[in-house]
Amino acid sequence: MIFRKATIEDIDQIESLIRAASKRLGAAGIDQWQRGYPNRESVECDVVNGVGMVLCEGNTILVYGAVIFTGEPAYEGLTGGKWLTHGEYAVVHRLCVSEIFVGMGFSKRFMSAAEAMASDSVKSMRIDTHPDNKIMQGLIKSLGYAYCGDVVIESRRLAYEKILE
């Protein structure tokens, strides 16, 4: 298994992963990713900016996510709590797993690889998710992230942070 930057050649496959993830969320009654975001343009920007990452086996992308080191403006508006750290951090956005590999632990492997990569540059990782997305909340908590408060990205999101070793 390889954790690497996404390429232009990966965009079609990533777009397919995102569409399937959006359908799964909608079918579960979760109002996240239901208004056309993320989309192909989001992925293209991630690839061009060098923040799109994939966990793959051969030519098959198992997991996609953006690992961003330039911050998240919405995180400045945290309410109902406080961040664990101040200063620079990495953030993971648009995390999704291939339909075929849901529930097999590959999202956890992606996050662990992203944390290892980020730990060379920053002291913490942040992530957020929809209040109804219990699967993502379970993943985040299982990785040792602490709930820090709420942010608004489209709508209310639960915001988490983990201090990296």
Protein backbone atom coordinates (compact mmCIF):
# COMPACT_ATOMS: atom_id res chain seq x y z
CA MET A 1 0.00 0.00 0.00
CA ILE A 2 1.29 3.47 -0.92
CA PHE A 3 0.43 6.90 0.51
CA ARG A 4 1.26 9.55 -2.09
CA LYS A 5 0.26 12.83 -3.69
CA ALA A 6 -2.67 12.57 -6.08
CA THR A 7 -1.94 13.21 -9.75
CA ILE A 8 -3.95 14.51 -12.70
CA GLU A 9 -4.34 10.89 -13.80
CA ASP A 10 -6.10 10.09 -10.49
CA ILE A 11 -8.82 12.75 -10.79
CA ASP A 12 -11.47 10.60 -12.53
CA GLN A 13 -11.11 7.84 -9.96
CA ILE A 14 -11.17 10.33 -7.06
CA GLU A 15 -14.26 12.05 -8.45
CA SER A 16 -15.97 8.66 -8.54
CA LEU A 17 -15.04 8.01 -4.89
CA ILE A 18 -16.47 11.39 -3.88
CA ARG A 19 -19.72 10.84 -5.78
CA ALA A 20 -20.19 7.44 -4.13
CA ALA A 21 -19.40 8.86 -0.69
CA SER A 22 -21.90 11.66 -1.25
CA LYS A 23 -24.58 9.11 -2.14
CA ARG A 24 -23.77 7.06 0.99
CA LEU A 25 -24.09 10.14 3.18
CA GLY A 26 -27.39 11.13 1.54
CA ALA A 27 -28.79 7.60 1.86
CA ALA A 28 -27.91 7.69 5.57
CA GLY A 29 -29.84 10.95 5.96
CA ILE A 30 -26.69 13.00 6.52
CA ASP A 31 -26.83 16.49 5.01
CA GLN A 32 -23.12 16.60 4.23
CA TRP A 33 -21.75 16.75 0.69
CA GLN A 34 -25.29 17.05 -0.67
CA ARG A 35 -24.99 20.41 -2.46
CA GLY A 36 -22.39 19.66 -5.13
CA TYR A 37 -19.31 19.98 -2.93
CA PRO A 38 -16.79 18.47 -3.00
CA ASN A 39 -16.61 18.05 -6.76
CA ARG A 40 -14.17 17.62 -9.63
CA GLU A 41 -13.06 21.25 -9.37
CA SER A 42 -12.24 20.75 -5.66
CA VAL A 43 -10.08 17.73 -6.52
CA GLU A 44 -8.38 19.51 -9.42
CA CYS A 45 -7.48 22.39 -7.07
CA ASP A 46 -6.17 19.92 -4.48
CA VAL A 47 -3.98 18.23 -7.09
CA VAL A 48 -2.67 21.53 -8.52
CA ASN A 49 -1.92 22.81 -5.00
CA GLY A 50 -0.17 19.56 -4.05
CA VAL A 51 -2.49 18.80 -1.13
CA GLY A 52 -4.53 15.93 -2.60
CA MET A 53 -3.32 12.63 -1.16
CA VAL A 54 -4.25 9.03 -1.90
CA LEU A 55 -3.78 5.69 -0.25
CA CYS A 56 -3.58 3.18 -3.06
CA GLU A 57 -2.86 -0.40 -3.91
CA GLY A 58 -1.39 -0.55 -7.39
CA ASN A 59 -3.60 1.62 -9.61
CA THR A 60 -6.59 1.37 -7.26
CA ILE A 61 -7.25 4.34 -5.00
CA LEU A 62 -8.59 3.15 -1.66
CA VAL A 63 -8.82 6.52 0.12
CA TYR A 64 -8.62 10.17 -0.88
CA GLY A 65 -8.19 13.27 1.25
CA ALA A 66 -6.68 16.73 1.18
CA VAL A 67 -3.91 17.34 3.72
CA ILE A 68 -3.54 21.10 3.99
CA PHE A 69 -0.81 23.02 5.81
CA THR A 70 -2.07 26.56 5.16
CA GLY A 71 -4.83 26.48 7.77
CA GLU A 72 -8.61 26.62 7.53
CA PRO A 73 -10.17 30.09 7.84
CA ALA A 74 -13.39 28.70 9.32
CA TYR A 75 -11.38 27.35 12.25
CA GLU A 76 -10.77 30.92 13.43
CA GLY A 77 -14.47 31.05 14.33
CA LEU A 78 -14.41 28.08 16.74
CA THR A 79 -17.24 28.30 19.29
CA GLY A 80 -18.11 26.27 22.37
CA GLY A 81 -14.54 25.33 23.21
CA LYS A 82 -10.92 25.97 22.35
CA TRP A 83 -8.17 24.42 20.28
CA LEU A 84 -5.54 22.33 22.02
CA THR A 85 -2.68 24.24 20.36
CA HIS A 86 -1.89 27.61 18.83
CA GLY A 87 0.14 28.21 15.71
CA GLU A 88 0.53 26.13 12.58
CA TYR A 89 -1.36 22.88 12.09
CA ALA A 90 -2.38 20.52 9.30
CA VAL A 91 -6.00 19.90 8.41
CA VAL A 92 -7.63 16.99 6.59
CA HIS A 93 -10.58 17.76 4.34
CA ARG A 94 -12.60 15.74 1.80
CA LEU A 95 -11.70 12.35 3.30
CA CYS A 96 -13.47 9.50 1.52
CA VAL A 97 -12.95 5.80 1.02
CA SER A 98 -13.74 3.72 -2.05
CA GLU A 99 -17.16 2.07 -1.92
CA ILE A 100 -15.52 -1.34 -2.28
CA PHE A 101 -13.31 -0.84 0.77
CA VAL A 102 -15.70 0.80 3.26
CA GLY A 103 -15.28 -0.56 6.78
CA MET A 104 -11.90 -2.21 6.18
CA GLY A 105 -9.77 0.27 8.14
CA PHE A 106 -8.19 2.04 5.19
CA SER A 107 -9.37 5.50 6.32
CA LYS A 108 -7.53 4.90 9.57
CA ARG A 109 -4.39 3.96 7.63
CA PHE A 110 -4.72 7.10 5.51
CA MET A 111 -5.06 9.28 8.61
CA SER A 112 -2.08 7.62 10.30
CA ALA A 113 0.05 8.23 7.19
CA ALA A 114 -1.16 11.85 6.99
CA GLU A 115 -0.31 12.38 10.65
CA ALA A 116 3.17 10.91 10.17
CA MET A 117 3.75 13.20 7.19
CA ALA A 118 2.41 16.26 9.04
CA SER A 119 4.43 15.60 12.21
CA ASP A 120 7.58 16.64 10.33
CA SER A 121 6.18 20.17 9.92
CA VAL A 122 3.49 20.92 12.52
CA LYS A 123 2.57 19.96 16.05
CA SER A 124 -1.10 19.16 15.50
CA MET A 125 -3.72 17.96 13.04
CA ARG A 126 -7.29 19.26 12.86
CA ILE A 127 -10.38 17.85 11.21
CA ASP A 128 -14.11 18.51 11.25
CA THR A 129 -17.26 16.62 10.39
CA HIS A 130 -21.03 16.94 10.28
CA PRO A 131 -22.82 16.33 13.61
CA ASP A 132 -24.79 13.45 12.05
CA ASN A 133 -21.74 11.73 10.55
CA LYS A 134 -21.26 9.20 13.35
CA ILE A 135 -18.96 6.98 11.28
CA MET A 136 -16.46 9.81 10.78
CA GLN A 137 -16.78 10.83 14.43
CA GLY A 138 -15.96 7.25 15.43
CA LEU A 139 -12.89 7.24 13.20
CA ILE A 140 -11.68 10.58 14.53
CA LYS A 141 -12.15 9.55 18.17
CA SER A 142 -10.50 6.15 17.60
CA LEU A 143 -7.39 7.99 16.38
CA GLY A 144 -7.17 10.05 19.57
CA TYR A 145 -8.61 13.36 18.38
CA ALA A 146 -10.26 15.58 20.99
CA TYR A 147 -13.48 17.47 20.36
CA CYS A 148 -12.63 21.19 20.60
CA GLY A 149 -15.88 22.96 19.64
CA ASP A 150 -17.95 23.86 16.60
CA VAL A 151 -17.13 25.63 13.34
CA VAL A 152 -19.29 26.59 10.38
CA ILE A 153 -18.40 25.15 6.98
CA GLU A 154 -21.62 25.13 4.93
CA SER A 155 -23.35 24.39 8.24
CA ARG A 156 -22.36 23.43 11.77
CA ARG A 157 -19.39 21.06 12.01
CA LEU A 158 -17.79 19.35 14.99
CA ALA A 159 -14.12 20.30 15.15
CA TYR A 160 -11.36 18.07 16.50
CA GLU A 161 -7.64 18.31 17.07
CA LYS A 162 -4.83 15.89 17.87
CA ILE A 163 -1.38 16.76 19.10
CA LEU A 164 1.12 14.88 16.94
CA GLU A 165 4.06 13.04 18.48
